């Protein structure tokens, strides 16, 4: 299954951007590894101020803010 046409935060300067949900979703993670995607988002503690995605860990977001 091909990834949806989802863009990621190209302005993010983090060395770990490939671990951010916006990047992983743009690569099709939510379609190819649904269990991992659910694990990362199951108990959200943070929300990204850039894209609005939520995650359990702030390390998976570009601009995390605590919920």
PDB file of N, CA and C in Angstrom:
ATOM      1  N   UNK A   1       0.837  -1.177   0.000  1.00  0.00           N
ATOM      2  CA  UNK A   1       0.000   0.000   0.000  1.00  0.00           C
ATOM      3  C   UNK A   1       0.882   1.241   0.000  1.00  0.00           C
ATOM      4  N   UNK A   2       0.589   2.203  -0.855  1.00  0.00           N
ATOM      5  CA  UNK A   2       1.381   3.425  -0.956  1.00  0.00           C
ATOM      6  C   UNK A   2       1.006   4.394   0.157  1.00  0.00           C
ATOM      7  N   UNK A   3       2.004   5.158   0.644  1.00  0.00           N
ATOM      8  CA  UNK A   3       1.701   6.159   1.667  1.00  0.00           C
ATOM      9  C   UNK A   3       0.794   7.250   1.106  1.00  0.00           C
ATOM     10  N   UNK A   4      -0.015   7.819   1.982  1.00  0.00           N
ATOM     11  CA  UNK A   4      -0.833   8.956   1.598  1.00  0.00           C
ATOM     12  C   UNK A   4       0.084  10.122   1.263  1.00  0.00           C
ATOM     13  N   UNK A   5      -0.431  11.086   0.549  1.00  0.00           N
ATOM     14  CA  UNK A   5       0.351  12.269   0.222  1.00  0.00           C
ATOM     15  C   UNK A   5       0.370  13.186   1.442  1.00  0.00           C
ATOM     16  N   UNK A   6       1.236  12.887   2.382  1.00  0.00           N
ATOM     17  CA  UNK A   6       1.358  13.632   3.634  1.00  0.00           C
ATOM     18  C   UNK A   6       2.753  14.236   3.677  1.00  0.00           C
ATOM     19  N   UNK A   7       2.823  15.506   3.969  1.00  0.00           N
ATOM     20  CA  UNK A   7       4.121  16.149   4.059  1.00  0.00           C
ATOM     21  C   UNK A   7       4.562  16.208   5.513  1.00  0.00           C
ATOM     22  N   UNK A   8       5.841  16.375   5.699  1.00  0.00           N
ATOM     23  CA  UNK A   8       6.369  16.507   7.052  1.00  0.00           C
ATOM     24  C   UNK A   8       6.976  17.894   7.201  1.00  0.00           C
ATOM     25  N   UNK A   9       7.347  18.226   8.399  1.00  0.00           N
ATOM     26  CA  UNK A   9       7.881  19.543   8.729  1.00  0.00           C
ATOM     27  C   UNK A   9       9.308  19.662   8.190  1.00  0.00           C
ATOM     28  N   UNK A  10       9.463  20.167   6.992  1.00  0.00           N
ATOM     29  CA  UNK A  10      10.787  20.267   6.373  1.00  0.00           C
ATOM     30  C   UNK A  10      11.652  21.325   7.053  1.00  0.00           C
ATOM     31  N   UNK A  11      11.045  22.163   7.892  1.00  0.00           N
ATOM     32  CA  UNK A  11      11.794  23.187   8.613  1.00  0.00           C
ATOM     33  C   UNK A  11      12.381  22.674   9.926  1.00  0.00           C
ATOM     34  N   UNK A  12      12.020  21.477  10.333  1.00  0.00           N
ATOM     35  CA  UNK A  12      12.512  20.915  11.589  1.00  0.00           C
ATOM     36  C   UNK A  12      14.024  20.687  11.479  1.00  0.00           C
ATOM     37  N   UNK A  13      14.758  21.238  12.416  1.00  0.00           N
ATOM     38  CA  UNK A  13      16.216  21.141  12.408  1.00  0.00           C
ATOM     39  C   UNK A  13      16.753  20.052  13.341  1.00  0.00           C
ATOM     40  N   UNK A  14      15.870  19.269  13.935  1.00  0.00           N
ATOM     41  CA  UNK A  14      16.275  18.232  14.871  1.00  0.00           C
ATOM     42  C   UNK A  14      17.051  17.121  14.167  1.00  0.00           C
ATOM     43  N   UNK A  15      18.111  16.647  14.807  1.00  0.00           N
ATOM     44  CA  UNK A  15      18.876  15.510  14.276  1.00  0.00           C
ATOM     45  C   UNK A  15      18.053  14.232  14.290  1.00  0.00           C
ATOM     46  N   UNK A  16      16.998  14.214  15.096  1.00  0.00           N
ATOM     47  CA  UNK A  16      16.174  13.007  15.216  1.00  0.00           C
ATOM     48  C   UNK A  16      14.819  13.179  14.519  1.00  0.00           C
ATOM     49  N   UNK A  17      14.753  14.028  13.493  1.00  0.00           N
ATOM     50  CA  UNK A  17      13.477  14.273  12.803  1.00  0.00           C
ATOM     51  C   UNK A  17      12.869  12.992  12.242  1.00  0.00           C
ATOM     52  N   UNK A  18      13.685  12.035  11.887  1.00  0.00           N
ATOM     53  CA  UNK A  18      13.151  10.779  11.343  1.00  0.00           C
ATOM     54  C   UNK A  18      12.371   9.991  12.392  1.00  0.00           C
ATOM     55  N   UNK A  19      12.434  10.414  13.656  1.00  0.00           N
ATOM     56  CA  UNK A  19      11.663   9.771  14.723  1.00  0.00           C
ATOM     57  C   UNK A  19      10.402  10.556  15.061  1.00  0.00           C
ATOM     58  N   UNK A  20      10.167  11.642  14.362  1.00  0.00           N
ATOM     59  CA  UNK A  20       8.974  12.450  14.596  1.00  0.00           C
ATOM     60  C   UNK A  20       7.805  11.882  13.791  1.00  0.00           C
ATOM     61  N   UNK A  21       6.614  11.931  14.371  1.00  0.00           N
ATOM     62  CA  UNK A  21       5.437  11.353  13.724  1.00  0.00           C
ATOM     63  C   UNK A  21       5.151  11.955  12.352  1.00  0.00           C
ATOM     64  N   UNK A  22       5.357  13.266  12.196  1.00  0.00           N
ATOM     65  CA  UNK A  22       5.064  13.863  10.887  1.00  0.00           C
ATOM     66  C   UNK A  22       5.926  13.215   9.801  1.00  0.00           C
ATOM     67  N   UNK A  23       7.195  12.962  10.112  1.00  0.00           N
ATOM     68  CA  UNK A  23       8.074  12.319   9.140  1.00  0.00           C
ATOM     69  C   UNK A  23       7.672  10.860   8.916  1.00  0.00           C
ATOM     70  N   UNK A  24       7.446  10.140  10.016  1.00  0.00           N
ATOM     71  CA  UNK A  24       7.109   8.718   9.897  1.00  0.00           C
ATOM     72  C   UNK A  24       5.805   8.506   9.138  1.00  0.00           C
ATOM     73  N   UNK A  25       4.811   9.367   9.362  1.00  0.00           N
ATOM     74  CA  UNK A  25       3.547   9.251   8.640  1.00  0.00           C
ATOM     75  C   UNK A  25       3.764   9.583   7.164  1.00  0.00           C
ATOM     76  N   UNK A  26       4.600  10.565   6.868  1.00  0.00           N
ATOM     77  CA  UNK A  26       4.876  10.895   5.467  1.00  0.00           C
ATOM     78  C   UNK A  26       5.542   9.731   4.736  1.00  0.00           C
ATOM     79  N   UNK A  27       6.184   8.848   5.491  1.00  0.00           N
ATOM     80  CA  UNK A  27       6.828   7.672   4.914  1.00  0.00           C
ATOM     81  C   UNK A  27       5.912   6.450   4.926  1.00  0.00           C
ATOM     82  N   UNK A  28       4.700   6.605   5.463  1.00  0.00           N
ATOM     83  CA  UNK A  28       3.718   5.524   5.435  1.00  0.00           C
ATOM     84  C   UNK A  28       3.707   4.623   6.657  1.00  0.00           C
ATOM     85  N   UNK A  29       4.336   5.029   7.745  1.00  0.00           N
ATOM     86  CA  UNK A  29       4.376   4.190   8.945  1.00  0.00           C
ATOM     87  C   UNK A  29       2.988   3.771   9.398  1.00  0.00           C
ATOM     88  N   UNK A  30       2.043   4.702   9.389  1.00  0.00           N
ATOM     89  CA  UNK A  30       0.693   4.414   9.867  1.00  0.00           C
ATOM     90  C   UNK A  30      -0.003   3.358   9.012  1.00  0.00           C
ATOM     91  N   UNK A  31       0.463   3.153   7.805  1.00  0.00           N
ATOM     92  CA  UNK A  31      -0.104   2.138   6.923  1.00  0.00           C
ATOM     93  C   UNK A  31       0.693   0.840   6.945  1.00  0.00           C
ATOM     94  N   UNK A  32       2.012   0.950   7.044  1.00  0.00           N
ATOM     95  CA  UNK A  32       2.876  -0.222   6.972  1.00  0.00           C
ATOM     96  C   UNK A  32       3.102  -0.902   8.308  1.00  0.00           C
ATOM     97  N   UNK A  33       3.063  -0.156   9.402  1.00  0.00           N
ATOM     98  CA  UNK A  33       3.290  -0.735  10.731  1.00  0.00           C
ATOM     99  C   UNK A  33       2.297  -0.115  11.707  1.00  0.00           C
ATOM    100  N   UNK A  34       1.047  -0.493  11.532  1.00  0.00           N
ATOM    101  CA  UNK A  34      -0.036   0.081  12.322  1.00  0.00           C
ATOM    102  C   UNK A  34       0.176  -0.122  13.822  1.00  0.00           C
ATOM    103  N   UNK A  35       0.739  -1.265  14.211  1.00  0.00           N
ATOM    104  CA  UNK A  35       0.959  -1.541  15.635  1.00  0.00           C
ATOM    105  C   UNK A  35       1.963  -0.559  16.247  1.00  0.00           C
ATOM    106  N   UNK A  36       3.051  -0.273  15.553  1.00  0.00           N
ATOM    107  CA  UNK A  36       4.024   0.687  16.053  1.00  0.00           C
ATOM    108  C   UNK A  36       3.402   2.077  16.130  1.00  0.00           C
ATOM    109  N   UNK A  37       2.666   2.464  15.101  1.00  0.00           N
ATOM    110  CA  UNK A  37       2.006   3.773  15.101  1.00  0.00           C
ATOM    111  C   UNK A  37       1.057   3.890  16.296  1.00  0.00           C
ATOM    112  N   UNK A  38       0.280   2.844  16.547  1.00  0.00           N
ATOM    113  CA  UNK A  38      -0.641   2.850  17.685  1.00  0.00           C
ATOM    114  C   UNK A  38       0.119   2.923  19.005  1.00  0.00           C
ATOM    115  N   UNK A  39       1.232   2.238  19.096  1.00  0.00           N
ATOM    116  CA  UNK A  39       2.045   2.264  20.318  1.00  0.00           C
ATOM    117  C   UNK A  39       2.557   3.678  20.598  1.00  0.00           C
ATOM    118  N   UNK A  40       2.977   4.382  19.564  1.00  0.00           N
ATOM    119  CA  UNK A  40       3.518   5.732  19.720  1.00  0.00           C
ATOM    120  C   UNK A  40       2.440   6.763  20.073  1.00  0.00           C
ATOM    121  N   UNK A  41       1.190   6.456  19.732  1.00  0.00           N
ATOM    122  CA  UNK A  41       0.115   7.433  19.924  1.00  0.00           C
ATOM    123  C   UNK A  41      -0.967   6.977  20.903  1.00  0.00           C
ATOM    124  N   UNK A  42      -0.807   5.808  21.507  1.00  0.00           N
ATOM    125  CA  UNK A  42      -1.861   5.213  22.338  1.00  0.00           C
ATOM    126  C   UNK A  42      -2.231   6.062  23.557  1.00  0.00           C
ATOM    127  N   UNK A  43      -1.267   6.497  24.310  1.00  0.00           N
ATOM    128  CA  UNK A  43      -1.507   7.285  25.520  1.00  0.00           C
ATOM    129  C   UNK A  43      -0.834   8.647  25.370  1.00  0.00           C
ATOM    130  N   UNK A  44      -1.423   9.523  24.585  1.00  0.00           N
ATOM    131  CA  UNK A  44      -0.752  10.795  24.296  1.00  0.00           C
ATOM    132  C   UNK A  44      -0.553  11.672  25.524  1.00  0.00           C
ATOM    133  N   UNK A  45       0.650  12.185  25.638  1.00  0.00           N
ATOM    134  CA  UNK A  45       1.009  13.107  26.704  1.00  0.00           C
ATOM    135  C   UNK A  45       1.422  14.462  26.131  1.00  0.00           C
ATOM    136  N   UNK A  46       1.693  14.484  24.804  1.00  0.00           N
ATOM    137  CA  UNK A  46       2.190  15.685  24.149  1.00  0.00           C
ATOM    138  C   UNK A  46       1.464  15.909  22.826  1.00  0.00           C
ATOM    139  N   UNK A  47       1.398  17.165  22.431  1.00  0.00           N
ATOM    140  CA  UNK A  47       0.811  17.549  21.147  1.00  0.00           C
ATOM    141  C   UNK A  47       1.826  18.428  20.420  1.00  0.00           C
ATOM    142  N   UNK A  48       1.941  18.243  19.115  1.00  0.00           N
ATOM    143  CA  UNK A  48       2.865  19.041  18.315  1.00  0.00           C
ATOM    144  C   UNK A  48       2.209  20.377  17.968  1.00  0.00           C
ATOM    145  N   UNK A  49       2.897  21.454  18.271  1.00  0.00           N
ATOM    146  CA  UNK A  49       2.386  22.786  17.940  1.00  0.00           C
ATOM    147  C   UNK A  49       2.448  23.053  16.445  1.00  0.00           C
ATOM    148  N   UNK A  50       3.215  22.254  15.714  1.00  0.00           N
ATOM    149  CA  UNK A  50       3.345  22.455  14.272  1.00  0.00           C
ATOM    150  C   UNK A  50       2.225  21.741  13.502  1.00  0.00           C
ATOM    151  N   UNK A  51       2.042  20.446  13.746  1.00  0.00           N
ATOM    152  CA  UNK A  51       1.099  19.666  12.938  1.00  0.00           C
ATOM    153  C   UNK A  51      -0.158  19.224  13.683  1.00  0.00           C
ATOM    154  N   UNK A  52      -0.140  19.302  15.018  1.00  0.00           N
ATOM    155  CA  UNK A  52      -1.313  18.918  15.796  1.00  0.00           C
ATOM    156  C   UNK A  52      -1.370  17.448  16.158  1.00  0.00           C
ATOM    157  N   UNK A  53      -0.395  16.665  15.708  1.00  0.00           N
ATOM    158  CA  UNK A  53      -0.386  15.246  16.074  1.00  0.00           C
ATOM    159  C   UNK A  53      -0.094  15.094  17.561  1.00  0.00           C
ATOM    160  N   UNK A  54      -0.559  13.983  18.125  1.00  0.00           N
ATOM    161  CA  UNK A  54      -0.308  13.697  19.536  1.00  0.00           C
ATOM    162  C   UNK A  54       0.536  12.437  19.651  1.00  0.00           C
ATOM    163  N   UNK A  55       1.340  12.372  20.721  1.00  0.00           N
ATOM    164  CA  UNK A  55       2.215  11.225  20.939  1.00  0.00           C
ATOM    165  C   UNK A  55       2.430  11.035  22.428  1.00  0.00           C
ATOM    166  N   UNK A  56       2.811   9.817  22.773  1.00  0.00           N
ATOM    167  CA  UNK A  56       3.121   9.509  24.165  1.00  0.00           C
ATOM    168  C   UNK A  56       4.418  10.187  24.599  1.00  0.00           C
ATOM    169  N   UNK A  57       5.383  10.284  23.680  1.00  0.00           N
ATOM    170  CA  UNK A  57       6.688  10.853  24.000  1.00  0.00           C
ATOM    171  C   UNK A  57       6.945  12.131  23.212  1.00  0.00           C
ATOM    172  N   UNK A  58       7.517  13.113  23.871  1.00  0.00           N
ATOM    173  CA  UNK A  58       7.852  14.365  23.194  1.00  0.00           C
ATOM    174  C   UNK A  58       8.910  14.170  22.120  1.00  0.00           C
ATOM    175  N   UNK A  59       9.674  13.083  22.200  1.00  0.00           N
ATOM    176  CA  UNK A  59      10.729  12.842  21.208  1.00  0.00           C
ATOM    177  C   UNK A  59      10.159  12.500  19.831  1.00  0.00           C
ATOM    178  N   UNK A  60       8.859  12.235  19.761  1.00  0.00           N
ATOM    179  CA  UNK A  60       8.228  11.884  18.496  1.00  0.00           C
ATOM    180  C   UNK A  60       7.501  13.056  17.848  1.00  0.00           C
ATOM    181  N   UNK A  61       7.781  14.278  18.322  1.00  0.00           N
ATOM    182  CA  UNK A  61       7.126  15.463  17.776  1.00  0.00           C
ATOM    183  C   UNK A  61       8.147  16.575  17.546  1.00  0.00           C
ATOM    184  N   UNK A  62       7.893  17.420  16.555  1.00  0.00           N
ATOM    185  CA  UNK A  62       8.804  18.530  16.228  1.00  0.00           C
ATOM    186  C   UNK A  62       8.754  19.637  17.279  1.00  0.00           C
ATOM    187  N   UNK A  63       7.544  20.043  17.655  1.00  0.00           N
ATOM    188  CA  UNK A  63       7.349  21.133  18.616  1.00  0.00           C
ATOM    189  C   UNK A  63       6.379  20.661  19.703  1.00  0.00           C
ATOM    190  N   UNK A  64       6.856  19.793  20.593  1.00  0.00           N
ATOM    191  CA  UNK A  64       5.946  19.220  21.594  1.00  0.00           C
ATOM    192  C   UNK A  64       5.533  20.206  22.678  1.00  0.00           C
ATOM    193  N   UNK A  65       4.296  20.066  23.097  1.00  0.00           N
ATOM    194  CA  UNK A  65       3.773  20.785  24.237  1.00  0.00           C
ATOM    195  C   UNK A  65       2.957  19.781  25.042  1.00  0.00           C
ATOM    196  N   UNK A  66       3.077  19.842  26.350  1.00  0.00           N
ATOM    197  CA  UNK A  66       2.385  18.882  27.217  1.00  0.00           C
ATOM    198  C   UNK A  66       0.882  19.105  27.137  1.00  0.00           C
ATOM    199  N   UNK A  67       0.144  18.002  27.052  1.00  0.00           N
ATOM    200  CA  UNK A  67      -1.322  18.079  27.052  1.00  0.00           C
ATOM    201  C   UNK A  67      -1.844  18.368  28.427  1.00  0.00           C
TER     202      UNK A  67
END
